[in-house]
N, C-alpha and C. Protein backbone atom coordinates (compact mmCIF):
# COMPACT_ATOMS: atom_id res chain seq x y z
N MET A 1 -38.46 42.62 -36.22
CA MET A 1 -38.68 41.21 -35.94
C MET A 1 -37.68 40.40 -36.76
N SER A 2 -37.22 39.35 -36.20
CA SER A 2 -36.24 38.48 -36.86
C SER A 2 -36.79 37.94 -38.17
N THR A 3 -35.90 37.76 -39.14
CA THR A 3 -36.34 37.20 -40.43
C THR A 3 -36.74 35.74 -40.27
N GLU A 4 -36.35 35.12 -39.15
CA GLU A 4 -36.72 33.74 -38.91
C GLU A 4 -38.08 33.63 -38.22
N ALA A 5 -38.63 34.74 -37.76
CA ALA A 5 -39.94 34.74 -37.12
C ALA A 5 -41.01 34.53 -38.18
N ILE A 6 -42.07 33.83 -37.80
CA ILE A 6 -43.19 33.58 -38.71
C ILE A 6 -44.42 34.29 -38.15
N MET A 7 -45.05 35.11 -38.99
CA MET A 7 -46.28 35.77 -38.57
C MET A 7 -47.39 34.74 -38.50
N LEU A 8 -47.99 34.59 -37.32
CA LEU A 8 -49.08 33.62 -37.14
C LEU A 8 -50.45 34.25 -37.24
N PHE A 9 -50.57 35.46 -36.73
CA PHE A 9 -51.90 36.02 -36.53
C PHE A 9 -51.79 37.54 -36.46
N GLU A 10 -52.77 38.21 -37.01
CA GLU A 10 -52.88 39.66 -36.88
C GLU A 10 -54.34 39.98 -36.65
N PHE A 11 -54.59 40.87 -35.68
CA PHE A 11 -55.96 41.28 -35.42
C PHE A 11 -56.00 42.78 -35.19
N GLY A 12 -57.17 43.34 -35.41
CA GLY A 12 -57.37 44.76 -35.21
C GLY A 12 -58.64 45.02 -34.43
N ALA A 13 -58.72 46.19 -33.89
CA ALA A 13 -59.89 46.67 -33.17
C ALA A 13 -59.90 48.18 -33.31
N ASP A 14 -60.97 48.82 -32.89
CA ASP A 14 -61.00 50.28 -32.96
C ASP A 14 -59.78 50.85 -32.26
N GLY A 15 -58.93 51.50 -33.01
CA GLY A 15 -57.78 52.17 -32.42
C GLY A 15 -56.61 51.31 -32.03
N GLY A 16 -56.55 50.09 -32.51
CA GLY A 16 -55.40 49.29 -32.14
C GLY A 16 -55.39 47.92 -32.79
N GLY A 17 -54.44 47.12 -32.36
CA GLY A 17 -54.30 45.77 -32.87
C GLY A 17 -52.92 45.24 -32.55
N ALA A 18 -52.68 44.03 -33.01
CA ALA A 18 -51.39 43.41 -32.74
C ALA A 18 -51.07 42.37 -33.81
N ILE A 19 -49.79 42.07 -33.92
CA ILE A 19 -49.30 41.00 -34.78
C ILE A 19 -48.61 39.99 -33.87
N ILE A 20 -48.89 38.72 -34.12
CA ILE A 20 -48.34 37.64 -33.30
C ILE A 20 -47.37 36.85 -34.16
N TYR A 21 -46.14 36.69 -33.65
CA TYR A 21 -45.08 35.98 -34.37
C TYR A 21 -44.65 34.75 -33.58
N ARG A 22 -44.28 33.70 -34.31
CA ARG A 22 -43.65 32.53 -33.67
C ARG A 22 -42.17 32.56 -34.02
N LEU A 23 -41.34 32.42 -32.99
CA LEU A 23 -39.89 32.40 -33.17
C LEU A 23 -39.43 30.96 -33.42
N PRO A 24 -38.22 30.77 -33.91
CA PRO A 24 -37.72 29.41 -34.17
C PRO A 24 -37.74 28.50 -32.93
N ASN A 25 -37.64 29.07 -31.73
CA ASN A 25 -37.67 28.26 -30.51
C ASN A 25 -39.10 28.00 -30.02
N ASN A 26 -40.11 28.33 -30.84
CA ASN A 26 -41.53 28.11 -30.58
C ASN A 26 -42.14 29.16 -29.65
N LYS A 27 -41.32 30.08 -29.11
CA LYS A 27 -41.88 31.17 -28.31
C LYS A 27 -42.68 32.08 -29.23
N VAL A 28 -43.61 32.82 -28.64
CA VAL A 28 -44.50 33.68 -29.41
C VAL A 28 -44.35 35.11 -28.90
N ILE A 29 -44.28 36.04 -29.83
CA ILE A 29 -44.16 37.46 -29.51
C ILE A 29 -45.42 38.17 -30.00
N GLU A 30 -46.00 38.99 -29.14
CA GLU A 30 -47.10 39.87 -29.53
C GLU A 30 -46.55 41.28 -29.59
N ALA A 31 -46.67 41.93 -30.74
CA ALA A 31 -46.26 43.32 -30.91
C ALA A 31 -47.50 44.11 -31.30
N GLY A 32 -47.88 45.08 -30.46
CA GLY A 32 -49.12 45.79 -30.74
C GLY A 32 -49.05 47.26 -30.39
N SER A 33 -50.14 47.94 -30.74
CA SER A 33 -50.27 49.35 -30.40
C SER A 33 -51.75 49.70 -30.31
N SER A 34 -52.03 50.76 -29.59
CA SER A 34 -53.41 51.25 -29.48
C SER A 34 -53.37 52.74 -29.16
N GLY A 35 -54.51 53.37 -29.37
CA GLY A 35 -54.66 54.78 -28.99
C GLY A 35 -54.46 55.73 -30.15
N GLY A 36 -54.60 57.03 -29.82
CA GLY A 36 -54.38 58.08 -30.80
C GLY A 36 -55.46 58.23 -31.84
N ILE A 37 -56.66 57.72 -31.56
CA ILE A 37 -57.72 57.78 -32.57
C ILE A 37 -58.14 59.22 -32.84
N MET A 38 -58.52 59.94 -31.81
CA MET A 38 -59.03 61.29 -32.00
C MET A 38 -57.98 62.34 -31.62
N ASP A 39 -57.53 62.24 -30.42
CA ASP A 39 -56.64 63.25 -29.87
C ASP A 39 -55.56 62.54 -29.07
N GLU A 40 -54.35 62.59 -29.55
CA GLU A 40 -53.28 61.83 -28.89
C GLU A 40 -53.02 62.33 -27.47
N ALA A 41 -53.36 63.58 -27.17
CA ALA A 41 -53.19 64.09 -25.80
C ALA A 41 -54.14 63.36 -24.85
N GLU A 42 -55.35 63.08 -25.30
CA GLU A 42 -56.34 62.39 -24.47
C GLU A 42 -56.25 60.88 -24.61
N ASP A 43 -55.75 60.41 -25.72
CA ASP A 43 -55.67 58.97 -26.00
C ASP A 43 -54.29 58.68 -26.58
N PRO A 44 -53.26 58.72 -25.74
CA PRO A 44 -51.90 58.54 -26.26
C PRO A 44 -51.68 57.16 -26.88
N VAL A 45 -50.82 57.14 -27.87
CA VAL A 45 -50.48 55.88 -28.51
C VAL A 45 -49.64 55.05 -27.54
N LYS A 46 -50.04 53.81 -27.37
CA LYS A 46 -49.31 52.87 -26.52
C LYS A 46 -48.81 51.74 -27.40
N LYS A 47 -47.57 51.37 -27.21
CA LYS A 47 -46.99 50.25 -27.95
C LYS A 47 -46.50 49.24 -26.94
N TRP A 48 -46.58 47.97 -27.32
CA TRP A 48 -46.10 46.93 -26.42
C TRP A 48 -45.53 45.77 -27.21
N LYS A 49 -44.75 44.99 -26.49
CA LYS A 49 -44.17 43.77 -27.04
C LYS A 49 -44.12 42.78 -25.87
N LYS A 50 -44.79 41.65 -26.02
CA LYS A 50 -44.85 40.65 -24.95
C LYS A 50 -44.42 39.30 -25.51
N GLU A 51 -43.79 38.51 -24.67
CA GLU A 51 -43.34 37.17 -25.07
C GLU A 51 -44.13 36.11 -24.31
N PHE A 52 -44.46 35.03 -25.02
CA PHE A 52 -45.21 33.92 -24.44
C PHE A 52 -44.49 32.62 -24.75
N GLU A 53 -44.73 31.63 -23.95
CA GLU A 53 -44.05 30.33 -24.08
C GLU A 53 -44.33 29.67 -25.43
N ASN A 54 -45.58 29.80 -25.92
CA ASN A 54 -45.98 29.19 -27.19
C ASN A 54 -47.33 29.78 -27.62
N TRP A 55 -47.83 29.30 -28.74
CA TRP A 55 -49.10 29.80 -29.27
C TRP A 55 -50.24 29.58 -28.29
N GLU A 56 -50.33 28.42 -27.69
CA GLU A 56 -51.42 28.11 -26.77
C GLU A 56 -51.41 29.06 -25.57
N ALA A 57 -50.23 29.38 -25.06
CA ALA A 57 -50.13 30.32 -23.93
C ALA A 57 -50.59 31.71 -24.37
N TRP A 58 -50.21 32.10 -25.59
CA TRP A 58 -50.66 33.40 -26.09
C TRP A 58 -52.18 33.42 -26.20
N TRP A 59 -52.77 32.39 -26.81
CA TRP A 59 -54.23 32.34 -27.01
C TRP A 59 -54.95 32.37 -25.67
N LYS A 60 -54.46 31.64 -24.69
CA LYS A 60 -55.08 31.63 -23.36
C LYS A 60 -55.05 33.04 -22.77
N ASN A 61 -53.92 33.72 -22.87
CA ASN A 61 -53.83 35.09 -22.38
C ASN A 61 -54.80 36.01 -23.13
N PHE A 62 -54.86 35.88 -24.43
CA PHE A 62 -55.75 36.68 -25.28
C PHE A 62 -57.21 36.50 -24.87
N THR A 63 -57.64 35.25 -24.74
CA THR A 63 -59.04 35.00 -24.40
C THR A 63 -59.34 35.30 -22.93
N ASP A 64 -58.37 35.11 -22.04
CA ASP A 64 -58.57 35.48 -20.63
C ASP A 64 -58.66 37.00 -20.49
N THR A 65 -57.79 37.72 -21.19
CA THR A 65 -57.78 39.18 -21.12
C THR A 65 -59.06 39.78 -21.69
N HIS A 66 -59.49 39.27 -22.82
CA HIS A 66 -60.64 39.86 -23.51
C HIS A 66 -61.94 39.13 -23.25
N GLN A 67 -61.87 38.04 -22.54
CA GLN A 67 -63.01 37.23 -22.13
C GLN A 67 -63.96 37.01 -23.31
N ASP A 68 -65.23 37.34 -23.14
CA ASP A 68 -66.22 37.07 -24.18
C ASP A 68 -66.11 37.99 -25.38
N PHE A 69 -65.25 39.01 -25.31
CA PHE A 69 -65.21 40.02 -26.36
C PHE A 69 -64.18 39.76 -27.45
N TRP A 70 -63.38 38.70 -27.33
CA TRP A 70 -62.35 38.46 -28.35
C TRP A 70 -62.96 38.27 -29.73
N ILE A 71 -64.16 37.75 -29.80
CA ILE A 71 -64.82 37.50 -31.10
C ILE A 71 -65.11 38.81 -31.83
N PHE A 72 -65.13 39.94 -31.09
CA PHE A 72 -65.44 41.23 -31.69
C PHE A 72 -64.22 41.91 -32.30
N PHE A 73 -63.03 41.36 -32.08
CA PHE A 73 -61.85 41.85 -32.78
C PHE A 73 -61.93 41.38 -34.23
N SER A 74 -61.23 42.06 -35.09
CA SER A 74 -61.24 41.69 -36.51
C SER A 74 -59.96 40.96 -36.87
N PRO A 75 -60.08 39.70 -37.28
CA PRO A 75 -58.88 38.98 -37.72
C PRO A 75 -58.45 39.50 -39.08
N LEU A 76 -57.18 39.84 -39.20
CA LEU A 76 -56.65 40.36 -40.45
C LEU A 76 -55.83 39.32 -41.19
N PHE A 77 -55.21 38.43 -40.43
CA PHE A 77 -54.40 37.36 -41.01
C PHE A 77 -54.39 36.19 -40.04
N ILE A 78 -54.55 34.98 -40.58
CA ILE A 78 -54.47 33.75 -39.78
C ILE A 78 -53.60 32.76 -40.55
N HIS A 79 -52.46 32.40 -39.99
CA HIS A 79 -51.53 31.46 -40.62
C HIS A 79 -52.16 30.07 -40.66
N ASP A 80 -51.85 29.34 -41.70
CA ASP A 80 -52.39 27.98 -41.85
C ASP A 80 -52.11 27.09 -40.64
N ASP A 81 -50.98 27.29 -39.98
CA ASP A 81 -50.60 26.46 -38.83
C ASP A 81 -51.58 26.56 -37.66
N ILE A 82 -52.31 27.66 -37.56
CA ILE A 82 -53.21 27.83 -36.42
C ILE A 82 -54.68 27.88 -36.81
N LYS A 83 -54.98 27.70 -38.09
CA LYS A 83 -56.37 27.80 -38.54
C LYS A 83 -57.28 26.78 -37.86
N ALA A 84 -56.86 25.55 -37.74
CA ALA A 84 -57.70 24.53 -37.10
C ALA A 84 -57.97 24.89 -35.64
N PHE A 85 -56.97 25.40 -34.96
CA PHE A 85 -57.09 25.81 -33.56
C PHE A 85 -58.13 26.93 -33.43
N ILE A 86 -58.02 27.95 -34.27
CA ILE A 86 -58.95 29.07 -34.20
C ILE A 86 -60.33 28.67 -34.68
N LYS A 87 -60.39 27.85 -35.71
CA LYS A 87 -61.70 27.39 -36.21
C LYS A 87 -62.49 26.72 -35.09
N GLU A 88 -61.84 25.88 -34.31
CA GLU A 88 -62.51 25.22 -33.19
C GLU A 88 -62.99 26.24 -32.15
N ALA A 89 -62.16 27.23 -31.85
CA ALA A 89 -62.54 28.27 -30.88
C ALA A 89 -63.75 29.06 -31.37
N VAL A 90 -63.78 29.39 -32.66
CA VAL A 90 -64.90 30.14 -33.22
C VAL A 90 -66.17 29.29 -33.19
N GLU A 91 -66.05 28.02 -33.60
CA GLU A 91 -67.22 27.13 -33.61
C GLU A 91 -67.80 26.96 -32.21
N ASN A 92 -66.95 26.92 -31.19
CA ASN A 92 -67.39 26.68 -29.82
C ASN A 92 -67.76 27.96 -29.07
N TYR A 93 -67.59 29.11 -29.71
CA TYR A 93 -67.87 30.39 -29.06
C TYR A 93 -69.37 30.57 -28.85
N ASN A 94 -69.74 30.98 -27.64
CA ASN A 94 -71.14 31.29 -27.33
C ASN A 94 -71.14 32.52 -26.44
N TYR A 95 -71.86 33.54 -26.83
CA TYR A 95 -71.88 34.78 -26.07
C TYR A 95 -73.24 34.99 -25.42
N LYS A 96 -73.44 34.37 -24.31
CA LYS A 96 -74.62 34.61 -23.47
C LYS A 96 -75.90 34.79 -24.29
N ASN A 97 -76.12 33.88 -25.20
CA ASN A 97 -77.33 33.86 -26.04
C ASN A 97 -77.46 35.05 -26.98
N ARG A 98 -76.40 35.82 -27.16
CA ARG A 98 -76.43 36.92 -28.12
C ARG A 98 -76.04 36.37 -29.49
N ASP A 99 -76.72 36.81 -30.52
CA ASP A 99 -76.43 36.36 -31.87
C ASP A 99 -75.14 37.02 -32.36
N VAL A 100 -74.12 36.21 -32.57
CA VAL A 100 -72.84 36.72 -33.06
C VAL A 100 -72.51 36.10 -34.43
N THR A 101 -73.54 35.74 -35.16
CA THR A 101 -73.37 35.12 -36.47
C THR A 101 -72.48 35.96 -37.37
N ASP A 102 -72.71 37.27 -37.39
CA ASP A 102 -71.92 38.15 -38.26
C ASP A 102 -70.44 38.15 -37.85
N ARG A 103 -70.16 38.10 -36.56
CA ARG A 103 -68.77 38.06 -36.10
C ARG A 103 -68.11 36.74 -36.48
N LYS A 104 -68.84 35.65 -36.29
CA LYS A 104 -68.30 34.33 -36.67
C LYS A 104 -68.04 34.28 -38.17
N GLU A 105 -68.92 34.92 -38.96
CA GLU A 105 -68.72 34.95 -40.41
C GLU A 105 -67.42 35.67 -40.77
N ARG A 106 -67.10 36.76 -40.08
CA ARG A 106 -65.84 37.47 -40.34
C ARG A 106 -64.64 36.57 -40.07
N TRP A 107 -64.68 35.87 -38.94
CA TRP A 107 -63.59 34.96 -38.59
C TRP A 107 -63.52 33.82 -39.60
N ASN A 108 -64.66 33.24 -39.95
CA ASN A 108 -64.68 32.13 -40.89
C ASN A 108 -64.23 32.55 -42.29
N TYR A 109 -64.51 33.79 -42.67
CA TYR A 109 -64.03 34.29 -43.95
C TYR A 109 -62.51 34.23 -43.99
N LYS A 110 -61.86 34.73 -42.94
CA LYS A 110 -60.39 34.70 -42.89
C LYS A 110 -59.87 33.26 -42.76
N LEU A 111 -60.59 32.43 -42.04
CA LEU A 111 -60.16 31.03 -41.89
C LEU A 111 -60.22 30.27 -43.21
N ASN A 112 -61.17 30.63 -44.07
CA ASN A 112 -61.34 29.92 -45.33
C ASN A 112 -60.63 30.58 -46.51
N LYS A 113 -60.10 31.77 -46.28
CA LYS A 113 -59.43 32.50 -47.35
C LYS A 113 -57.99 32.03 -47.49
N ASN A 114 -57.56 31.86 -48.69
CA ASN A 114 -56.14 31.53 -48.94
C ASN A 114 -55.33 32.78 -48.74
N ALA A 115 -54.25 32.66 -47.96
CA ALA A 115 -53.35 33.77 -47.65
C ALA A 115 -53.74 34.97 -48.42
């Protein structure tokens, strides 16, 4: 990744995750991998790199792709530039009357933690 790229966000899930970077032109790159947890023959490692117009386009793709389950990913890093954006998404998250207090607490911990 370019030295001019800024890491905005990193998340993980069982067997995978991704890092999201903002480039100087405001485009956003997602670089991720998944698979290989137990047996790479049955669960091969997949790597990807995708480009998005900006942070908002990336977030829309992320939440559209994962729908109600994005809250179950584990945030590993949240850049100060996007904390307000994510904080609002977490506060407004509702999962079909299921209690997700513990998941919101994980996100809020990272949102309130200094780098």
